[in-house]
Amino acid sequence: MSFKKLLIANRGEIAIRIARAAADSGLATVAIYPADDAASLHVRSADEAREIPGRGARAYLDIEAVIAAAKAAGCDALHPGYGFLSENTQLARRCAEEKITFVGPSPEALDLFGDKAKAKELGKTCGVPIIAGTSG
């Protein structure tokens, strides 16, 4: 599947790296930022930028604001970067509901691997060597 426009739901160095990789692939990018990050390099590294409500790092955790920015910008894909919402099942599910491709694991995979006991059991059933440790 090819995408036309990617929302980068992160800031800083990782957002800049995602924007560069997308540009190398001919993919348009959208940065998000709260007002206090307006002058940040990641904002200038994207093709366009959308302000989101809030301040500082907390603003990037507002799933509905992130989804609203993606929809307003006409994005068909969303890259969460690292940290922030990258392992958030709710964001992955909201993307699916809005027909925006989440660039990352499926919500089901996020649920499974967020539970170490379940992930360990799956690994065992797949024949993956498992390090001894506690169960449960």
N, C-alpha and C. Protein backbone atom coordinates (compact mmCIF):
# COMPACT_ATOMS: atom_id res chain seq x y z
N MET A 1 0.84 -1.17 0.00
CA MET A 1 0.00 0.00 0.00
C MET A 1 0.89 1.24 0.00
N SER A 2 0.55 2.21 -0.80
CA SER A 2 1.32 3.44 -0.78
C SER A 2 0.47 4.55 -0.16
N PHE A 3 1.15 5.46 0.51
CA PHE A 3 0.48 6.54 1.21
C PHE A 3 0.77 7.85 0.50
N LYS A 4 -0.08 8.83 0.75
CA LYS A 4 0.12 10.15 0.17
C LYS A 4 0.63 11.15 1.20
N LYS A 5 0.11 11.03 2.44
CA LYS A 5 0.48 12.02 3.45
C LYS A 5 0.55 11.35 4.82
N LEU A 6 1.66 11.61 5.52
CA LEU A 6 1.96 10.99 6.80
C LEU A 6 1.98 12.02 7.92
N LEU A 7 1.19 11.80 8.95
CA LEU A 7 1.27 12.63 10.15
C LEU A 7 2.31 12.01 11.07
N ILE A 8 3.23 12.83 11.55
CA ILE A 8 4.26 12.38 12.48
C ILE A 8 3.83 12.82 13.88
N ALA A 9 3.42 11.85 14.69
CA ALA A 9 2.86 12.15 16.01
C ALA A 9 3.95 12.12 17.08
N ASN A 10 4.97 12.93 16.88
CA ASN A 10 6.10 12.97 17.80
C ASN A 10 6.84 14.28 17.56
N ARG A 11 7.92 14.48 18.28
CA ARG A 11 8.71 15.69 18.12
C ARG A 11 10.19 15.35 18.22
N GLY A 12 11.03 16.34 18.05
CA GLY A 12 12.46 16.16 18.24
C GLY A 12 13.13 15.36 17.14
N GLU A 13 14.25 14.77 17.50
CA GLU A 13 15.12 14.08 16.54
C GLU A 13 14.40 12.95 15.80
N ILE A 14 13.57 12.18 16.49
CA ILE A 14 12.88 11.07 15.81
C ILE A 14 11.91 11.60 14.75
N ALA A 15 11.21 12.69 15.05
CA ALA A 15 10.29 13.27 14.07
C ALA A 15 11.05 13.78 12.85
N ILE A 16 12.22 14.35 13.07
CA ILE A 16 13.05 14.84 11.96
C ILE A 16 13.51 13.67 11.10
N ARG A 17 13.92 12.58 11.72
CA ARG A 17 14.36 11.40 10.97
C ARG A 17 13.21 10.79 10.17
N ILE A 18 12.03 10.74 10.74
CA ILE A 18 10.86 10.21 10.02
C ILE A 18 10.55 11.11 8.83
N ALA A 19 10.59 12.43 9.03
CA ALA A 19 10.32 13.37 7.93
C ALA A 19 11.32 13.20 6.80
N ARG A 20 12.59 13.01 7.13
CA ARG A 20 13.62 12.80 6.08
C ARG A 20 13.38 11.51 5.32
N ALA A 21 13.09 10.44 6.03
CA ALA A 21 12.84 9.15 5.38
C ALA A 21 11.61 9.23 4.49
N ALA A 22 10.57 9.90 4.96
CA ALA A 22 9.36 10.06 4.16
C ALA A 22 9.66 10.89 2.90
N ALA A 23 10.41 11.96 3.06
CA ALA A 23 10.77 12.80 1.91
C ALA A 23 11.55 12.00 0.88
N ASP A 24 12.47 11.15 1.35
CA ASP A 24 13.24 10.29 0.44
C ASP A 24 12.34 9.34 -0.34
N SER A 25 11.18 9.04 0.23
CA SER A 25 10.22 8.13 -0.41
C SER A 25 9.15 8.89 -1.19
N GLY A 26 9.24 10.21 -1.21
CA GLY A 26 8.26 11.01 -1.93
C GLY A 26 6.95 11.17 -1.19
N LEU A 27 6.96 10.96 0.10
CA LEU A 27 5.76 11.04 0.92
C LEU A 27 5.67 12.39 1.62
N ALA A 28 4.56 13.07 1.49
CA ALA A 28 4.35 14.35 2.17
C ALA A 28 4.18 14.11 3.67
N THR A 29 4.67 15.05 4.48
CA THR A 29 4.61 14.90 5.93
C THR A 29 3.94 16.08 6.61
N VAL A 30 3.34 15.76 7.76
CA VAL A 30 2.70 16.76 8.59
C VAL A 30 3.24 16.61 10.00
N ALA A 31 3.77 17.68 10.55
CA ALA A 31 4.23 17.69 11.94
C ALA A 31 3.09 18.23 12.80
N ILE A 32 3.08 17.80 14.05
CA ILE A 32 2.17 18.39 15.02
C ILE A 32 3.00 19.07 16.10
N TYR A 33 2.40 20.08 16.74
CA TYR A 33 3.13 20.80 17.77
C TYR A 33 2.17 21.58 18.65
N PRO A 34 2.44 21.67 19.93
CA PRO A 34 1.73 22.63 20.77
C PRO A 34 2.39 24.00 20.57
N ALA A 35 1.74 25.05 20.99
CA ALA A 35 2.25 26.41 20.76
C ALA A 35 3.68 26.60 21.25
N ASP A 36 4.04 25.97 22.37
CA ASP A 36 5.39 26.18 22.89
C ASP A 36 6.47 25.43 22.10
N ASP A 37 6.08 24.61 21.14
CA ASP A 37 7.04 23.93 20.26
C ASP A 37 7.02 24.50 18.83
N ALA A 38 6.32 25.60 18.63
CA ALA A 38 6.13 26.13 17.27
C ALA A 38 7.43 26.39 16.53
N ALA A 39 8.48 26.77 17.22
CA ALA A 39 9.76 27.09 16.57
C ALA A 39 10.71 25.90 16.51
N SER A 40 10.24 24.73 16.87
CA SER A 40 11.10 23.54 16.90
C SER A 40 11.47 23.07 15.50
N LEU A 41 12.64 22.46 15.40
CA LEU A 41 13.14 21.99 14.10
C LEU A 41 12.22 20.95 13.47
N HIS A 42 11.59 20.10 14.26
CA HIS A 42 10.72 19.08 13.65
C HIS A 42 9.56 19.73 12.91
N VAL A 43 9.10 20.89 13.36
CA VAL A 43 8.01 21.60 12.70
C VAL A 43 8.46 22.08 11.32
N ARG A 44 9.68 22.58 11.26
CA ARG A 44 10.22 23.08 9.98
C ARG A 44 10.67 21.96 9.06
N SER A 45 10.86 20.77 9.59
CA SER A 45 11.34 19.64 8.78
C SER A 45 10.22 18.98 7.98
N ALA A 46 8.98 19.21 8.36
CA ALA A 46 7.84 18.59 7.67
C ALA A 46 7.34 19.51 6.57
N ASP A 47 6.56 18.95 5.66
CA ASP A 47 5.99 19.74 4.57
C ASP A 47 4.94 20.73 5.07
N GLU A 48 4.22 20.34 6.11
CA GLU A 48 3.26 21.23 6.73
C GLU A 48 3.18 20.89 8.21
N ALA A 49 2.53 21.76 8.98
CA ALA A 49 2.44 21.54 10.42
C ALA A 49 1.07 21.96 10.92
N ARG A 50 0.62 21.27 11.96
CA ARG A 50 -0.67 21.56 12.58
C ARG A 50 -0.48 21.75 14.08
N GLU A 51 -1.01 22.84 14.57
CA GLU A 51 -0.94 23.07 16.01
C GLU A 51 -1.97 22.20 16.72
N ILE A 52 -1.57 21.65 17.86
CA ILE A 52 -2.47 20.87 18.70
C ILE A 52 -2.58 21.58 20.05
N PRO A 53 -3.68 21.37 20.76
CA PRO A 53 -3.83 22.03 22.06
C PRO A 53 -2.89 21.47 23.11
N GLY A 54 -2.67 22.24 24.14
CA GLY A 54 -1.84 21.79 25.25
C GLY A 54 -0.47 22.43 25.23
N ARG A 55 0.36 21.93 26.17
CA ARG A 55 1.73 22.45 26.30
C ARG A 55 2.69 21.30 26.51
N GLY A 56 3.88 21.44 25.97
CA GLY A 56 4.95 20.48 26.20
C GLY A 56 4.61 19.06 25.77
N ALA A 57 5.34 18.13 26.37
CA ALA A 57 5.21 16.72 26.00
C ALA A 57 3.80 16.18 26.17
N ARG A 58 3.07 16.67 27.15
CA ARG A 58 1.71 16.17 27.40
C ARG A 58 0.80 16.36 26.19
N ALA A 59 1.02 17.41 25.42
CA ALA A 59 0.17 17.68 24.25
C ALA A 59 0.23 16.54 23.24
N TYR A 60 1.38 15.90 23.13
CA TYR A 60 1.56 14.82 22.15
C TYR A 60 0.87 13.53 22.58
N LEU A 61 0.35 13.50 23.81
CA LEU A 61 -0.35 12.32 24.33
C LEU A 61 -1.86 12.40 24.15
N ASP A 62 -2.35 13.48 23.59
CA ASP A 62 -3.79 13.68 23.40
C ASP A 62 -4.22 12.98 22.09
N ILE A 63 -4.70 11.77 22.23
CA ILE A 63 -5.04 10.95 21.07
C ILE A 63 -6.06 11.63 20.17
N GLU A 64 -7.09 12.20 20.75
CA GLU A 64 -8.11 12.83 19.91
C GLU A 64 -7.57 14.05 19.16
N ALA A 65 -6.67 14.80 19.79
CA ALA A 65 -6.05 15.95 19.11
C ALA A 65 -5.16 15.47 17.95
N VAL A 66 -4.44 14.38 18.17
CA VAL A 66 -3.57 13.81 17.13
C VAL A 66 -4.42 13.34 15.95
N ILE A 67 -5.49 12.61 16.24
CA ILE A 67 -6.39 12.12 15.18
C ILE A 67 -7.03 13.30 14.45
N ALA A 68 -7.48 14.30 15.18
CA ALA A 68 -8.11 15.47 14.55
C ALA A 68 -7.13 16.18 13.62
N ALA A 69 -5.87 16.29 14.03
CA ALA A 69 -4.86 16.92 13.18
C ALA A 69 -4.64 16.10 11.91
N ALA A 70 -4.58 14.79 12.06
CA ALA A 70 -4.38 13.91 10.89
C ALA A 70 -5.55 14.06 9.91
N LYS A 71 -6.76 14.06 10.43
CA LYS A 71 -7.93 14.20 9.57
C LYS A 71 -7.97 15.57 8.90
N ALA A 72 -7.71 16.62 9.67
CA ALA A 72 -7.75 17.99 9.12
C ALA A 72 -6.72 18.17 8.00
N ALA A 73 -5.59 17.49 8.13
CA ALA A 73 -4.52 17.61 7.13
C ALA A 73 -4.70 16.65 5.97
N GLY A 74 -5.68 15.75 6.05
CA GLY A 74 -5.90 14.79 4.97
C GLY A 74 -4.88 13.67 4.95
N CYS A 75 -4.36 13.30 6.11
CA CYS A 75 -3.36 12.23 6.20
C CYS A 75 -4.02 10.86 6.06
N ASP A 76 -3.36 9.98 5.35
CA ASP A 76 -3.84 8.61 5.24
C ASP A 76 -2.96 7.64 6.03
N ALA A 77 -1.92 8.17 6.70
CA ALA A 77 -1.06 7.34 7.54
C ALA A 77 -0.58 8.18 8.72
N LEU A 78 -0.25 7.48 9.81
CA LEU A 78 0.23 8.14 11.02
C LEU A 78 1.38 7.33 11.59
N HIS A 79 2.51 8.01 11.79
CA HIS A 79 3.69 7.36 12.41
C HIS A 79 3.82 7.92 13.82
N PRO A 80 3.79 7.04 14.85
CA PRO A 80 3.87 7.54 16.21
C PRO A 80 5.27 7.88 16.70
N GLY A 81 6.29 7.51 15.94
CA GLY A 81 7.66 7.73 16.41
C GLY A 81 7.98 6.74 17.52
N TYR A 82 8.80 7.17 18.47
CA TYR A 82 9.14 6.34 19.63
C TYR A 82 8.61 7.01 20.87
N GLY A 83 8.32 6.21 21.90
CA GLY A 83 7.79 6.78 23.13
C GLY A 83 6.40 7.33 22.90
N PHE A 84 6.04 8.36 23.64
CA PHE A 84 4.71 8.97 23.56
C PHE A 84 3.63 7.92 23.33
N LEU A 85 3.06 7.86 22.13
CA LEU A 85 1.94 6.97 21.84
C LEU A 85 2.31 5.75 21.01
N SER A 86 3.60 5.48 20.86
CA SER A 86 4.03 4.41 19.95
C SER A 86 3.55 3.02 20.35
N GLU A 87 3.28 2.80 21.62
CA GLU A 87 2.81 1.49 22.07
C GLU A 87 1.39 1.58 22.62
N ASN A 88 0.65 2.58 22.18
CA ASN A 88 -0.68 2.82 22.70
C ASN A 88 -1.74 2.15 21.83
N THR A 89 -2.38 1.14 22.38
CA THR A 89 -3.41 0.40 21.66
C THR A 89 -4.56 1.30 21.23
N GLN A 90 -4.92 2.24 22.10
CA GLN A 90 -6.05 3.13 21.80
C GLN A 90 -5.78 3.96 20.55
N LEU A 91 -4.56 4.47 20.39
CA LEU A 91 -4.23 5.23 19.18
C LEU A 91 -4.33 4.35 17.94
N ALA A 92 -3.78 3.15 18.02
CA ALA A 92 -3.84 2.24 16.87
C ALA A 92 -5.29 1.93 16.50
N ARG A 93 -6.13 1.74 17.50
CA ARG A 93 -7.55 1.47 17.25
C ARG A 93 -8.25 2.69 16.65
N ARG A 94 -7.97 3.88 17.17
CA ARG A 94 -8.59 5.10 16.62
C ARG A 94 -8.17 5.32 15.18
N CYS A 95 -6.91 5.03 14.87
CA CYS A 95 -6.47 5.14 13.48
C CYS A 95 -7.29 4.20 12.60
N ALA A 96 -7.46 2.96 13.04
CA ALA A 96 -8.24 1.99 12.26
C ALA A 96 -9.68 2.48 12.07
N GLU A 97 -10.27 3.02 13.12
CA GLU A 97 -11.64 3.54 13.03
C GLU A 97 -11.75 4.67 12.02
N GLU A 98 -10.71 5.48 11.91
CA GLU A 98 -10.73 6.64 11.02
C GLU A 98 -10.14 6.33 9.64
N LYS A 99 -9.82 5.07 9.41
CA LYS A 99 -9.25 4.65 8.12
C LYS A 99 -7.91 5.33 7.85
N ILE A 100 -7.13 5.51 8.91
CA ILE A 100 -5.77 6.05 8.82
C ILE A 100 -4.84 4.89 9.15
N THR A 101 -3.88 4.61 8.30
CA THR A 101 -2.95 3.51 8.55
C THR A 101 -2.00 3.89 9.68
N PHE A 102 -1.98 3.05 10.72
CA PHE A 102 -1.06 3.22 11.83
C PHE A 102 0.25 2.55 11.45
N VAL A 103 1.33 3.31 11.41
CA VAL A 103 2.63 2.76 11.03
C VAL A 103 3.24 2.16 12.29
N GLY A 104 2.92 0.90 12.51
CA GLY A 104 3.37 0.19 13.70
C GLY A 104 2.57 -1.08 13.85
N PRO A 105 2.71 -1.73 14.97
CA PRO A 105 2.00 -2.98 15.20
C PRO A 105 0.48 -2.78 15.24
N SER A 106 -0.24 -3.85 14.97
CA SER A 106 -1.69 -3.82 15.06
C SER A 106 -2.11 -3.64 16.51
N PRO A 107 -3.34 -3.18 16.74
CA PRO A 107 -3.81 -3.08 18.13
C PRO A 107 -3.73 -4.42 18.86
N GLU A 108 -4.02 -5.49 18.17
CA GLU A 108 -3.98 -6.81 18.78
C GLU A 108 -2.55 -7.17 19.22
N ALA A 109 -1.58 -6.87 18.38
CA ALA A 109 -0.18 -7.14 18.73
C ALA A 109 0.25 -6.26 19.91
N LEU A 110 -0.17 -5.00 19.91
CA LEU A 110 0.17 -4.12 21.02
C LEU A 110 -0.42 -4.65 22.32
N ASP A 111 -1.68 -5.11 22.26
CA ASP A 111 -2.31 -5.70 23.45
C ASP A 111 -1.52 -6.91 23.93
N LEU A 112 -1.19 -7.80 23.01
CA LEU A 112 -0.50 -9.04 23.36
C LEU A 112 0.87 -8.77 23.95
N PHE A 113 1.66 -7.97 23.29
CA PHE A 113 3.04 -7.78 23.74
C PHE A 113 3.15 -6.77 24.89
N GLY A 114 2.05 -6.11 25.21
CA GLY A 114 2.02 -5.27 26.39
C GLY A 114 1.82 -6.09 27.66
N ASP A 115 1.46 -7.36 27.48
CA ASP A 115 1.27 -8.29 28.60
C ASP A 115 2.39 -9.32 28.53
N LYS A 116 3.40 -9.16 29.35
CA LYS A 116 4.59 -10.02 29.26
C LYS A 116 4.27 -11.50 29.45
N ALA A 117 3.33 -11.83 30.34
CA ALA A 117 2.98 -13.24 30.57
C ALA A 117 2.36 -13.84 29.31
N LYS A 118 1.44 -13.11 28.66
CA LYS A 118 0.81 -13.60 27.42
C LYS A 118 1.85 -13.71 26.30
N ALA A 119 2.72 -12.72 26.20
CA ALA A 119 3.76 -12.75 25.17
C ALA A 119 4.69 -13.94 25.37
N LYS A 120 5.02 -14.23 26.61
CA LYS A 120 5.89 -15.37 26.91
C LYS A 120 5.20 -16.68 26.53
N GLU A 121 3.93 -16.81 26.84
CA GLU A 121 3.18 -18.02 26.47
C GLU A 121 3.11 -18.18 24.95
N LEU A 122 2.87 -17.09 24.23
CA LEU A 122 2.85 -17.16 22.77
C LEU A 122 4.20 -17.61 22.24
N GLY A 123 5.26 -17.04 22.80
CA GLY A 123 6.60 -17.44 22.38
C GLY A 123 6.83 -18.92 22.56
N LYS A 124 6.40 -19.45 23.70
CA LYS A 124 6.54 -20.89 23.96
C LYS A 124 5.80 -21.71 22.92
N THR A 125 4.56 -21.33 22.60
CA THR A 125 3.77 -22.10 21.62
C THR A 125 4.37 -22.03 20.22
N CYS A 126 5.15 -20.99 19.96
CA CYS A 126 5.79 -20.84 18.65
C CYS A 126 7.19 -21.44 18.62
N GLY A 127 7.62 -22.02 19.74
CA GLY A 127 8.92 -22.64 19.78
C GLY A 127 10.07 -21.66 19.96
N VAL A 128 9.78 -20.48 20.41
CA VAL A 128 10.83 -19.48 20.65
C VAL A 128 11.49 -19.80 21.99
N PRO A 129 12.83 -19.83 22.03
CA PRO A 129 13.49 -20.06 23.31
C PRO A 129 13.12 -18.95 24.30
N ILE A 130 12.72 -19.35 25.50
CA ILE A 130 12.26 -18.42 26.52
C ILE A 130 13.23 -18.47 27.70
N ILE A 131 13.65 -17.33 28.16
CA ILE A 131 14.54 -17.24 29.32
C ILE A 131 13.74 -17.59 30.57
N ALA A 132 14.34 -18.41 31.41
CA ALA A 132 13.66 -18.77 32.65
C ALA A 132 13.40 -17.54 33.49
N GLY A 133 12.33 -17.55 34.20
CA GLY A 133 11.96 -16.41 35.05
C GLY A 133 10.70 -16.75 35.80
N THR A 134 10.06 -15.75 36.29
CA THR A 134 8.83 -15.98 37.02
C THR A 134 7.68 -16.21 36.04
N SER A 135 6.67 -16.90 36.48
CA SER A 135 5.48 -17.06 35.64
C SER A 135 4.36 -16.29 36.29
N GLY A 136 3.50 -15.74 35.47
CA GLY A 136 2.36 -15.00 36.00
C GLY A 136 2.63 -13.54 36.18
